[in-house]
PDB file of N, CA and C in Angstrom:
ATOM      1  N   MET A   1     101.353  82.315  93.206  1.00  0.00           N
ATOM      2  CA  MET A   1     100.862  82.666  94.318  1.00  0.00           C
ATOM      3  C   MET A   1      99.697  83.612  94.189  1.00  0.00           C
ATOM      4  N   SER A   2      98.693  83.423  94.520  1.00  0.00           N
ATOM      5  CA  SER A   2      97.614  84.511  94.319  1.00  0.00           C
ATOM      6  C   SER A   2      97.901  85.919  95.185  1.00  0.00           C
ATOM      7  N   LEU A   3      97.153  87.019  95.002  1.00  0.00           N
ATOM      8  CA  LEU A   3      97.186  88.165  95.603  1.00  0.00           C
ATOM      9  C   LEU A   3      96.851  87.953  97.072  1.00  0.00           C
ATOM     10  N   LYS A   4      96.024  86.929  97.184  1.00  0.00           N
ATOM     11  CA  LYS A   4      95.348  86.683  98.541  1.00  0.00           C
ATOM     12  C   LYS A   4      96.511  86.080  99.592  1.00  0.00           C
ATOM     13  N   ALA A   5      97.330  85.053  98.558  1.00  0.00           N
ATOM     14  CA  ALA A   5      98.099  84.084  99.504  1.00  0.00           C
ATOM     15  C   ALA A   5      99.442  85.254  99.894  1.00  0.00           C
ATOM     16  N   PHE A   6      99.327  85.974  98.908  1.00  0.00           N
ATOM     17  CA  PHE A   6     100.799  86.973  99.101  1.00  0.00           C
ATOM     18  C   PHE A   6     100.294  88.104 100.284  1.00  0.00           C
ATOM     19  N   HIS A   7      99.042  88.710 100.416  1.00  0.00           N
ATOM     20  CA  HIS A   7      98.465  89.567 101.112  1.00  0.00           C
ATOM     21  C   HIS A   7      98.641  88.515 102.688  1.00  0.00           C
ATOM     22  N   ILE A   8      98.405  87.517 102.837  1.00  0.00           N
ATOM     23  CA  ILE A   8      98.538  87.052 104.252  1.00  0.00           C
ATOM     24  C   ILE A   8      99.789  86.834 104.499  1.00  0.00           C
ATOM     25  N   VAL A   9     100.859  86.569 103.738  1.00  0.00           N
ATOM     26  CA  VAL A   9     102.117  86.127 104.012  1.00  0.00           C
ATOM     27  C   VAL A   9     102.747  87.524 104.394  1.00  0.00           C
ATOM     28  N   PHE A  10     102.605  88.664 103.794  1.00  0.00           N
ATOM     29  CA  PHE A  10     103.105  90.104 103.694  1.00  0.00           C
ATOM     30  C   PHE A  10     102.526  90.325 105.364  1.00  0.00           C
ATOM     31  N   ILE A  11     101.347  89.986 105.252  1.00  0.00           N
ATOM     32  CA  ILE A  11     100.887  90.652 106.961  1.00  0.00           C
ATOM     33  C   ILE A  11     101.322  89.929 107.637  1.00  0.00           C
ATOM     34  N   VAL A  12     101.608  88.436 107.946  1.00  0.00           N
ATOM     35  CA  VAL A  12     102.505  87.755 108.806  1.00  0.00           C
ATOM     36  C   VAL A  12     103.738  88.305 108.953  1.00  0.00           C
ATOM     37  N   LEU A  13     104.495  88.458 108.122  1.00  0.00           N
ATOM     38  CA  LEU A  13     105.969  88.786 108.313  1.00  0.00           C
ATOM     39  C   LEU A  13     106.149  90.462 108.712  1.00  0.00           C
ATOM     40  N   SER A  14     104.951  91.086 108.587  1.00  0.00           N
ATOM     41  CA  SER A  14     104.842  92.625 109.010  1.00  0.00           C
ATOM     42  C   SER A  14     104.499  92.406 110.433  1.00  0.00           C
ATOM     43  N   VAL A  15     103.802  91.499 110.843  1.00  0.00           N
ATOM     44  CA  VAL A  15     103.719  91.278 112.135  1.00  0.00           C
ATOM     45  C   VAL A  15     104.736  91.225 112.976  1.00  0.00           C
ATOM     46  N   LEU A  16     105.565  89.787 112.376  1.00  0.00           N
ATOM     47  CA  LEU A  16     106.477  89.421 113.084  1.00  0.00           C
ATOM     48  C   LEU A  16     107.704  90.435 113.114  1.00  0.00           C
ATOM     49  N   VAL A  17     108.143  91.226 112.206  1.00  0.00           N
ATOM     50  CA  VAL A  17     108.716  92.454 112.058  1.00  0.00           C
ATOM     51  C   VAL A  17     108.390  93.284 113.102  1.00  0.00           C
ATOM     52  N   SER A  18     107.311  93.724 113.490  1.00  0.00           N
ATOM     53  CA  SER A  18     106.705  95.111 114.430  1.00  0.00           C
ATOM     54  C   SER A  18     107.022  94.250 115.801  1.00  0.00           C
ATOM     55  N   PHE A  19     106.512  92.979 115.858  1.00  0.00           N
ATOM     56  CA  PHE A  19     106.874  92.357 117.491  1.00  0.00           C
ATOM     57  C   PHE A  19     108.427  92.244 117.733  1.00  0.00           C
ATOM     58  N   GLY A  20     109.025  91.919 116.767  1.00  0.00           N
ATOM     59  CA  GLY A  20     110.245  91.862 116.857  1.00  0.00           C
ATOM     60  C   GLY A  20     111.096  93.278 117.262  1.00  0.00           C
ATOM     61  N   TYR A  21     110.566  94.204 116.604  1.00  0.00           N
ATOM     62  CA  TYR A  21     111.011  95.519 116.666  1.00  0.00           C
ATOM     63  C   TYR A  21     110.686  96.177 118.424  1.00  0.00           C
ATOM     64  N   THR A  22     109.551  95.594 118.542  1.00  0.00           N
ATOM     65  CA  THR A  22     109.080  95.860 120.002  1.00  0.00           C
ATOM     66  C   THR A  22     109.860  95.269 121.056  1.00  0.00           C
ATOM     67  N   TYR A  23     110.531  94.028 120.721  1.00  0.00           N
ATOM     68  CA  TYR A  23     111.320  93.337 121.813  1.00  0.00           C
ATOM     69  C   TYR A  23     112.721  94.042 121.807  1.00  0.00           C
ATOM     70  N   TRP A  24     112.944  94.520 120.820  1.00  0.00           N
ATOM     71  CA  TRP A  24     114.327  95.082 120.688  1.00  0.00           C
ATOM     72  C   TRP A  24     114.414  96.317 121.089  1.00  0.00           C
ATOM     73  N   GLY A  25     113.478  97.361 120.781  1.00  0.00           N
ATOM     74  CA  GLY A  25     113.387  98.235 121.453  1.00  0.00           C
ATOM     75  C   GLY A  25     113.312  98.417 123.230  1.00  0.00           C
ATOM     76  N   VAL A  26     112.464  97.557 123.559  1.00  0.00           N
ATOM     77  CA  VAL A  26     112.067  97.360 124.954  1.00  0.00           C
ATOM     78  C   VAL A  26     113.713  97.114 125.723  1.00  0.00           C
ATOM     79  N   GLN A  27     114.384  95.934 125.176  1.00  0.00           N
ATOM     80  CA  GLN A  27     115.512  95.687 125.493  1.00  0.00           C
ATOM     81  C   GLN A  27     116.529  96.965 125.587  1.00  0.00           C
ATOM     82  N   GLN A  28     116.564  97.325 124.333  1.00  0.00           N
ATOM     83  CA  GLN A  28     117.555  98.606 124.324  1.00  0.00           C
ATOM     84  C   GLN A  28     117.433  99.721 125.347  1.00  0.00           C
ATOM     85  N   TYR A  29     116.103  99.832 125.675  1.00  0.00           N
ATOM     86  CA  TYR A  29     115.597 100.908 126.725  1.00  0.00           C
ATOM     87  C   TYR A  29     116.333 100.075 128.236  1.00  0.00           C
ATOM     88  N   LEU A  30     116.100  98.882 128.449  1.00  0.00           N
ATOM     89  CA  LEU A  30     116.546  98.468 129.658  1.00  0.00           C
ATOM     90  C   LEU A  30     117.936  98.513 129.867  1.00  0.00           C
ATOM     91  N   HIS A  31     118.662  98.523 128.710  1.00  0.00           N
ATOM     92  CA  HIS A  31     120.406  98.425 128.696  1.00  0.00           C
ATOM     93  C   HIS A  31     120.785  99.770 128.761  1.00  0.00           C
ATOM     94  N   GLN A  32     120.012 100.597 127.919  1.00  0.00           N
ATOM     95  CA  GLN A  32     120.710 101.851 127.796  1.00  0.00           C
ATOM     96  C   GLN A  32     120.116 103.230 128.320  1.00  0.00           C
ATOM     97  N   GLY A  33     118.803 102.998 128.660  1.00  0.00           N
ATOM     98  CA  GLY A  33     117.818 104.080 129.161  1.00  0.00           C
ATOM     99  C   GLY A  33     117.281 104.981 128.085  1.00  0.00           C
ATOM    100  N   ALA A  34     117.563 104.647 126.702  1.00  0.00           N
ATOM    101  CA  ALA A  34     117.222 105.813 126.107  1.00  0.00           C
ATOM    102  C   ALA A  34     115.723 105.578 125.632  1.00  0.00           C
ATOM    103  N   LEU A  35     114.927 106.796 126.173  1.00  0.00           N
ATOM    104  CA  LEU A  35     113.472 106.864 126.031  1.00  0.00           C
ATOM    105  C   LEU A  35     112.896 106.573 124.889  1.00  0.00           C
ATOM    106  N   ILE A  36     113.683 107.245 123.676  1.00  0.00           N
ATOM    107  CA  ILE A  36     113.026 107.041 122.573  1.00  0.00           C
ATOM    108  C   ILE A  36     113.071 105.640 122.007  1.00  0.00           C
ATOM    109  N   ASP A  37     113.985 104.856 122.121  1.00  0.00           N
ATOM    110  CA  ASP A  37     114.068 103.324 121.962  1.00  0.00           C
ATOM    111  C   ASP A  37     112.621 102.557 122.759  1.00  0.00           C
ATOM    112  N   LEU A  38     112.272 103.191 124.003  1.00  0.00           N
ATOM    113  CA  LEU A  38     111.130 102.426 124.593  1.00  0.00           C
ATOM    114  C   LEU A  38     109.967 102.830 123.902  1.00  0.00           C
ATOM    115  N   SER A  39     109.901 104.412 123.422  1.00  0.00           N
ATOM    116  CA  SER A  39     108.480 104.869 122.760  1.00  0.00           C
ATOM    117  C   SER A  39     108.353 104.241 121.496  1.00  0.00           C
ATOM    118  N   LEU A  40     109.570 104.079 120.690  1.00  0.00           N
ATOM    119  CA  LEU A  40     109.452 103.437 119.438  1.00  0.00           C
ATOM    120  C   LEU A  40     108.924 102.114 119.493  1.00  0.00           C
ATOM    121  N   GLY A  41     109.608 101.254 120.590  1.00  0.00           N
ATOM    122  CA  GLY A  41     108.918  99.729 120.742  1.00  0.00           C
ATOM    123  C   GLY A  41     107.591  99.843 120.953  1.00  0.00           C
ATOM    124  N   ILE A  42     107.159 100.721 121.823  1.00  0.00           N
ATOM    125  CA  ILE A  42     105.917 100.509 122.156  1.00  0.00           C
ATOM    126  C   ILE A  42     104.861 100.823 120.988  1.00  0.00           C
ATOM    127  N   LEU A  43     105.084 101.932 120.276  1.00  0.00           N
ATOM    128  CA  LEU A  43     104.484 102.089 118.896  1.00  0.00           C
ATOM    129  C   LEU A  43     104.645 101.032 117.920  1.00  0.00           C
ATOM    130  N   SER A  44     105.663 100.539 117.783  1.00  0.00           N
ATOM    131  CA  SER A  44     105.580  99.110 116.766  1.00  0.00           C
ATOM    132  C   SER A  44     104.544  97.992 117.474  1.00  0.00           C
ATOM    133  N   GLY A  45     104.627  97.926 118.895  1.00  0.00           N
ATOM    134  CA  GLY A  45     103.601  97.112 119.234  1.00  0.00           C
ATOM    135  C   GLY A  45     102.742  96.990 119.013  1.00  0.00           C
ATOM    136  N   ILE A  46     102.020  98.632 119.020  1.00  0.00           N
ATOM    137  CA  ILE A  46     100.482  98.991 118.797  1.00  0.00           C
ATOM    138  C   ILE A  46     100.216  98.831 117.070  1.00  0.00           C
ATOM    139  N   ILE A  47     101.391  98.933 116.519  1.00  0.00           N
ATOM    140  CA  ILE A  47     101.106  98.798 115.115  1.00  0.00           C
ATOM    141  C   ILE A  47     100.949  97.350 115.026  1.00  0.00           C
ATOM    142  N   GLY A  48     101.728  96.338 115.340  1.00  0.00           N
ATOM    143  CA  GLY A  48     101.586  95.262 115.645  1.00  0.00           C
ATOM    144  C   GLY A  48     100.246  94.671 115.735  1.00  0.00           C
ATOM    145  N   VAL A  49      99.775  94.828 116.752  1.00  0.00           N
ATOM    146  CA  VAL A  49      98.307  94.528 117.380  1.00  0.00           C
ATOM    147  C   VAL A  49      97.375  94.828 116.154  1.00  0.00           C
ATOM    148  N   GLY A  50      97.663  96.227 115.858  1.00  0.00           N
ATOM    149  CA  GLY A  50      96.852  96.445 114.525  1.00  0.00           C
ATOM    150  C   GLY A  50      96.682  95.742 113.501  1.00  0.00           C
ATOM    151  N   LEU A  51      97.847  95.465 113.078  1.00  0.00           N
ATOM    152  CA  LEU A  51      98.225  94.344 111.964  1.00  0.00           C
ATOM    153  C   LEU A  51      97.384  93.140 112.097  1.00  0.00           C
ATOM    154  N   VAL A  52      97.487  92.591 113.394  1.00  0.00           N
ATOM    155  CA  VAL A  52      96.636  91.070 113.566  1.00  0.00           C
ATOM    156  C   VAL A  52      95.575  91.498 113.494  1.00  0.00           C
ATOM    157  N   ILE A  53      94.694  92.559 113.891  1.00  0.00           N
ATOM    158  CA  ILE A  53      93.306  92.730 113.869  1.00  0.00           C
ATOM    159  C   ILE A  53      92.864  93.130 112.177  1.00  0.00           C
ATOM    160  N   TYR A  54      93.599  93.637 111.662  1.00  0.00           N
ATOM    161  CA  TYR A  54      93.472  93.790 110.149  1.00  0.00           C
ATOM    162  C   TYR A  54      93.448  92.349 109.251  1.00  0.00           C
ATOM    163  N   GLY A  55      94.426  91.760 109.587  1.00  0.00           N
ATOM    164  CA  GLY A  55      94.673  90.493 109.151  1.00  0.00           C
ATOM    165  C   GLY A  55      93.390  89.514 109.462  1.00  0.00           C
ATOM    166  N   LYS A  56      93.124  89.340 110.544  1.00  0.00           N
ATOM    167  CA  LYS A  56      91.835  88.715 110.955  1.00  0.00           C
ATOM    168  C   LYS A  56      90.279  89.349 110.101  1.00  0.00           C
ATOM    169  N   LYS A  57      90.450  90.269 110.067  1.00  0.00           N
ATOM    170  CA  LYS A  57      89.252  91.054 109.278  1.00  0.00           C
ATOM    171  C   LYS A  57      89.483  91.007 108.151  1.00  0.00           C
ATOM    172  N   PHE A  58      90.511  90.699 107.364  1.00  0.00           N
ATOM    173  CA  PHE A  58      90.882  90.455 105.844  1.00  0.00           C
ATOM    174  C   PHE A  58      90.517  88.881 105.715  1.00  0.00           C
ATOM    175  N   LEU A  59      90.813  88.036 106.557  1.00  0.00           N
ATOM    176  CA  LEU A  59      90.609  86.672 106.242  1.00  0.00           C
ATOM    177  C   LEU A  59      89.226  86.402 106.303  1.00  0.00           C
ATOM    178  N   GLU A  60      88.419  87.139 107.292  1.00  0.00           N
ATOM    179  CA  GLU A  60      86.884  86.721 107.614  1.00  0.00           C
ATOM    180  C   GLU A  60      86.258  87.456 106.102  1.00  0.00           C
ATOM    181  N   LYS A  61      86.645  88.512 105.731  1.00  0.00           N
ATOM    182  CA  LYS A  61      86.267  89.152 104.483  1.00  0.00           C
ATOM    183  C   LYS A  61      86.284  88.313 103.251  1.00  0.00           C
ATOM    184  N   LEU A  62      87.378  87.578 103.068  1.00  0.00           N
ATOM    185  CA  LEU A  62      87.702  86.834 101.831  1.00  0.00           C
ATOM    186  C   LEU A  62      87.794  85.394 102.369  1.00  0.00           C
ATOM    187  N   LYS A  63      86.990  85.009 103.373  1.00  0.00           N
ATOM    188  CA  LYS A  63      86.892  83.472 103.544  1.00  0.00           C
ATOM    189  C   LYS A  63      86.521  82.537 102.437  1.00  0.00           C
ATOM    190  N   ASN A  64      85.513  83.245 101.454  1.00  0.00           N
ATOM    191  CA  ASN A  64      85.010  82.433 100.301  1.00  0.00           C
ATOM    192  C   ASN A  64      85.974  82.180  99.186  1.00  0.00           C
ATOM    193  N   PHE A  65      86.990  83.183  99.063  1.00  0.00           N
ATOM    194  CA  PHE A  65      88.004  82.911  97.805  1.00  0.00           C
ATOM    195  C   PHE A  65      89.201  82.039  97.969  1.00  0.00           C
ATOM    196  N   SER A  66      89.372  81.211  96.986  1.00  0.00           N
ATOM    197  CA  SER A  66      90.745  80.449  96.906  1.00  0.00           C
ATOM    198  C   SER A  66      91.759  81.222  97.300  1.00  0.00           C
ATOM    199  N   TYR A  67      92.859  80.252  97.711  1.00  0.00           N
ATOM    200  CA  TYR A  67      94.176  80.945  97.765  1.00  0.00           C
ATOM    201  C   TYR A  67      95.117  80.912  96.556  1.00  0.00           C
ATOM    202  N   LEU A  68      94.585  80.123  95.505  1.00  0.00           N
ATOM    203  CA  LEU A  68      95.188  80.209  94.450  1.00  0.00           C
ATOM    204  C   LEU A  68      94.704  81.030  93.508  1.00  0.00           C
TER     205      LEU A  68
END
């Protein structure tokens, strides 16, 4: 696997984990009312959006390189 392919897989997994944690944090807040869970969930969502933007820019920058 090339470095480019590994990077793309790693970004996708990071985005999934980030949004999963966002969902979990919001659910914890709704059930328990702990403000820290909501805060960390929102922060994780912001990081996930940043990772999506980063991933798009990465793909645009290296679109002429092969995946192998």
